[in-house]
Amino acid sequence: MKFLVSLFWGYIFSFIAIFIITAILGSNEISQGTTVLNCSILAVLFTLTSVGLNSLIKENKK
């Protein structure tokens, strides 16, 4: 469940980051679908990173 929340927040943060970068650099006729695709890719990468870090930090209960 916590990784679904990470995916949700990753999507929101990536949308904000892409929006800011696009606003600063200019859109250059970028379609809306490309932005959604980029947000989805960044959100999945964020979630996979959090899963990896969680498995490294998690202690074994033996």
N, C-alpha and C. Protein backbone atom coordinates (compact mmCIF):
# COMPACT_ATOMS: atom_id res chain seq x y z
N MET A 1 0.82 -1.19 0.00
CA MET A 1 0.00 0.00 0.00
C MET A 1 0.87 1.26 0.00
N LYS A 2 1.98 1.22 0.76
CA LYS A 2 2.81 2.41 0.81
C LYS A 2 3.50 2.69 -0.52
N PHE A 3 3.67 1.66 -1.34
CA PHE A 3 4.29 1.89 -2.65
C PHE A 3 3.28 2.46 -3.64
N LEU A 4 2.01 2.18 -3.45
CA LEU A 4 0.98 2.83 -4.27
C LEU A 4 0.90 4.32 -3.94
N VAL A 5 1.08 4.63 -2.67
CA VAL A 5 1.12 6.04 -2.27
C VAL A 5 2.36 6.71 -2.85
N SER A 6 3.48 6.00 -2.88
CA SER A 6 4.70 6.54 -3.50
C SER A 6 4.49 6.79 -4.99
N LEU A 7 3.77 5.89 -5.64
CA LEU A 7 3.48 6.08 -7.06
C LEU A 7 2.60 7.31 -7.27
N PHE A 8 1.61 7.50 -6.42
CA PHE A 8 0.73 8.66 -6.51
C PHE A 8 1.52 9.96 -6.32
N TRP A 9 2.32 10.03 -5.25
CA TRP A 9 3.09 11.25 -4.99
C TRP A 9 4.18 11.45 -6.04
N GLY A 10 4.75 10.36 -6.52
CA GLY A 10 5.74 10.48 -7.58
C GLY A 10 5.15 11.09 -8.84
N TYR A 11 3.91 10.71 -9.15
CA TYR A 11 3.23 11.29 -10.32
C TYR A 11 2.99 12.77 -10.12
N ILE A 12 2.57 13.17 -8.92
CA ILE A 12 2.32 14.59 -8.65
C ILE A 12 3.62 15.39 -8.72
N PHE A 13 4.68 14.89 -8.07
CA PHE A 13 5.96 15.61 -8.08
C PHE A 13 6.56 15.69 -9.48
N SER A 14 6.44 14.63 -10.26
CA SER A 14 6.99 14.67 -11.61
C SER A 14 6.19 15.62 -12.50
N PHE A 15 4.88 15.69 -12.30
CA PHE A 15 4.08 16.65 -13.07
C PHE A 15 4.50 18.08 -12.74
N ILE A 16 4.72 18.37 -11.46
CA ILE A 16 5.15 19.70 -11.06
C ILE A 16 6.53 20.03 -11.65
N ALA A 17 7.45 19.06 -11.58
CA ALA A 17 8.80 19.29 -12.11
C ALA A 17 8.76 19.52 -13.62
N ILE A 18 8.01 18.72 -14.35
CA ILE A 18 7.92 18.91 -15.80
C ILE A 18 7.23 20.22 -16.14
N PHE A 19 6.22 20.59 -15.36
CA PHE A 19 5.54 21.86 -15.59
C PHE A 19 6.49 23.04 -15.40
N ILE A 20 7.30 23.01 -14.35
CA ILE A 20 8.24 24.10 -14.09
C ILE A 20 9.32 24.17 -15.15
N ILE A 21 9.87 23.01 -15.52
CA ILE A 21 10.91 22.99 -16.55
C ILE A 21 10.36 23.46 -17.88
N THR A 22 9.15 23.05 -18.23
CA THR A 22 8.53 23.50 -19.48
C THR A 22 8.25 24.99 -19.45
N ALA A 23 7.86 25.51 -18.29
CA ALA A 23 7.59 26.94 -18.17
C ALA A 23 8.86 27.76 -18.31
N ILE A 24 9.96 27.25 -17.78
CA ILE A 24 11.22 27.99 -17.86
C ILE A 24 11.82 27.92 -19.25
N LEU A 25 11.85 26.72 -19.84
CA LEU A 25 12.49 26.53 -21.13
C LEU A 25 11.58 26.80 -22.32
N GLY A 26 10.30 26.85 -22.12
CA GLY A 26 9.35 27.01 -23.21
C GLY A 26 8.87 25.65 -23.68
N SER A 27 7.65 25.61 -24.19
CA SER A 27 7.05 24.32 -24.52
C SER A 27 7.55 23.73 -25.82
N ASN A 28 7.90 24.56 -26.81
CA ASN A 28 8.36 24.08 -28.12
C ASN A 28 7.39 23.10 -28.76
N GLU A 29 6.09 23.42 -28.68
CA GLU A 29 5.04 22.61 -29.30
C GLU A 29 4.98 21.19 -28.75
N ILE A 30 5.26 20.98 -27.47
CA ILE A 30 5.17 19.66 -26.86
C ILE A 30 3.70 19.34 -26.64
N SER A 31 3.29 18.15 -27.08
CA SER A 31 1.89 17.77 -26.92
C SER A 31 1.61 17.37 -25.47
N GLN A 32 0.35 17.39 -25.11
CA GLN A 32 -0.04 17.05 -23.74
C GLN A 32 0.21 15.58 -23.45
N GLY A 33 0.08 14.70 -24.45
CA GLY A 33 0.32 13.27 -24.25
C GLY A 33 1.75 12.97 -23.86
N THR A 34 2.68 13.70 -24.43
CA THR A 34 4.09 13.50 -24.10
C THR A 34 4.35 13.88 -22.66
N THR A 35 3.73 14.93 -22.17
CA THR A 35 3.90 15.34 -20.79
C THR A 35 3.35 14.29 -19.84
N VAL A 36 2.19 13.74 -20.15
CA VAL A 36 1.60 12.70 -19.31
C VAL A 36 2.49 11.46 -19.33
N LEU A 37 3.02 11.12 -20.50
CA LEU A 37 3.92 9.97 -20.60
C LEU A 37 5.18 10.19 -19.78
N ASN A 38 5.76 11.38 -19.86
CA ASN A 38 6.96 11.69 -19.07
C ASN A 38 6.67 11.64 -17.58
N CYS A 39 5.52 12.14 -17.17
CA CYS A 39 5.14 12.09 -15.75
C CYS A 39 5.00 10.66 -15.28
N SER A 40 4.40 9.83 -16.11
CA SER A 40 4.21 8.42 -15.74
C SER A 40 5.55 7.71 -15.61
N ILE A 41 6.46 7.97 -16.53
CA ILE A 41 7.77 7.33 -16.48
C ILE A 41 8.53 7.77 -15.24
N LEU A 42 8.52 9.06 -14.95
CA LEU A 42 9.22 9.56 -13.76
C LEU A 42 8.59 9.02 -12.47
N ALA A 43 7.26 8.89 -12.44
CA ALA A 43 6.59 8.37 -11.26
C ALA A 43 6.96 6.91 -11.01
N VAL A 44 7.03 6.13 -12.07
CA VAL A 44 7.42 4.73 -11.92
C VAL A 44 8.88 4.62 -11.47
N LEU A 45 9.75 5.46 -12.02
CA LEU A 45 11.16 5.45 -11.58
C LEU A 45 11.28 5.86 -10.11
N PHE A 46 10.50 6.83 -9.69
CA PHE A 46 10.49 7.26 -8.29
C PHE A 46 10.05 6.12 -7.38
N THR A 47 9.00 5.41 -7.80
CA THR A 47 8.49 4.29 -7.00
C THR A 47 9.49 3.15 -6.94
N LEU A 48 10.12 2.82 -8.06
CA LEU A 48 11.11 1.75 -8.06
C LEU A 48 12.32 2.11 -7.20
N THR A 49 12.69 3.39 -7.19
CA THR A 49 13.78 3.85 -6.34
C THR A 49 13.41 3.71 -4.86
N SER A 50 12.17 4.07 -4.53
CA SER A 50 11.76 3.93 -3.13
C SER A 50 11.67 2.46 -2.71
N VAL A 51 11.26 1.58 -3.62
CA VAL A 51 11.24 0.14 -3.32
C VAL A 51 12.65 -0.36 -3.09
N GLY A 52 13.59 0.06 -3.94
CA GLY A 52 14.98 -0.36 -3.79
C GLY A 52 15.60 0.14 -2.50
N LEU A 53 15.35 1.40 -2.16
CA LEU A 53 15.89 1.94 -0.92
C LEU A 53 15.26 1.27 0.30
N ASN A 54 13.99 0.94 0.21
CA ASN A 54 13.32 0.27 1.32
C ASN A 54 13.90 -1.13 1.52
N SER A 55 14.22 -1.83 0.44
CA SER A 55 14.78 -3.17 0.60
C SER A 55 16.22 -3.12 1.14
N LEU A 56 16.94 -2.04 0.86
CA LEU A 56 18.30 -1.90 1.39
C LEU A 56 18.30 -1.55 2.87
N ILE A 57 17.36 -0.73 3.27
CA ILE A 57 17.32 -0.23 4.64
C ILE A 57 16.60 -1.19 5.58
N LYS A 58 15.66 -1.94 5.07
CA LYS A 58 14.84 -2.82 5.87
C LYS A 58 15.69 -3.87 6.58
N GLU A 59 15.48 -4.02 7.86
CA GLU A 59 16.23 -5.00 8.64
C GLU A 59 15.56 -6.35 8.60
N ASN A 60 16.35 -7.40 8.61
CA ASN A 60 15.79 -8.74 8.67
C ASN A 60 15.32 -9.05 10.09
N LYS A 61 14.13 -9.61 10.21
CA LYS A 61 13.59 -9.95 11.53
C LYS A 61 13.75 -11.44 11.75
N LYS A 62 14.91 -11.84 12.22
CA LYS A 62 15.19 -13.26 12.49
C LYS A 62 15.50 -13.48 13.95
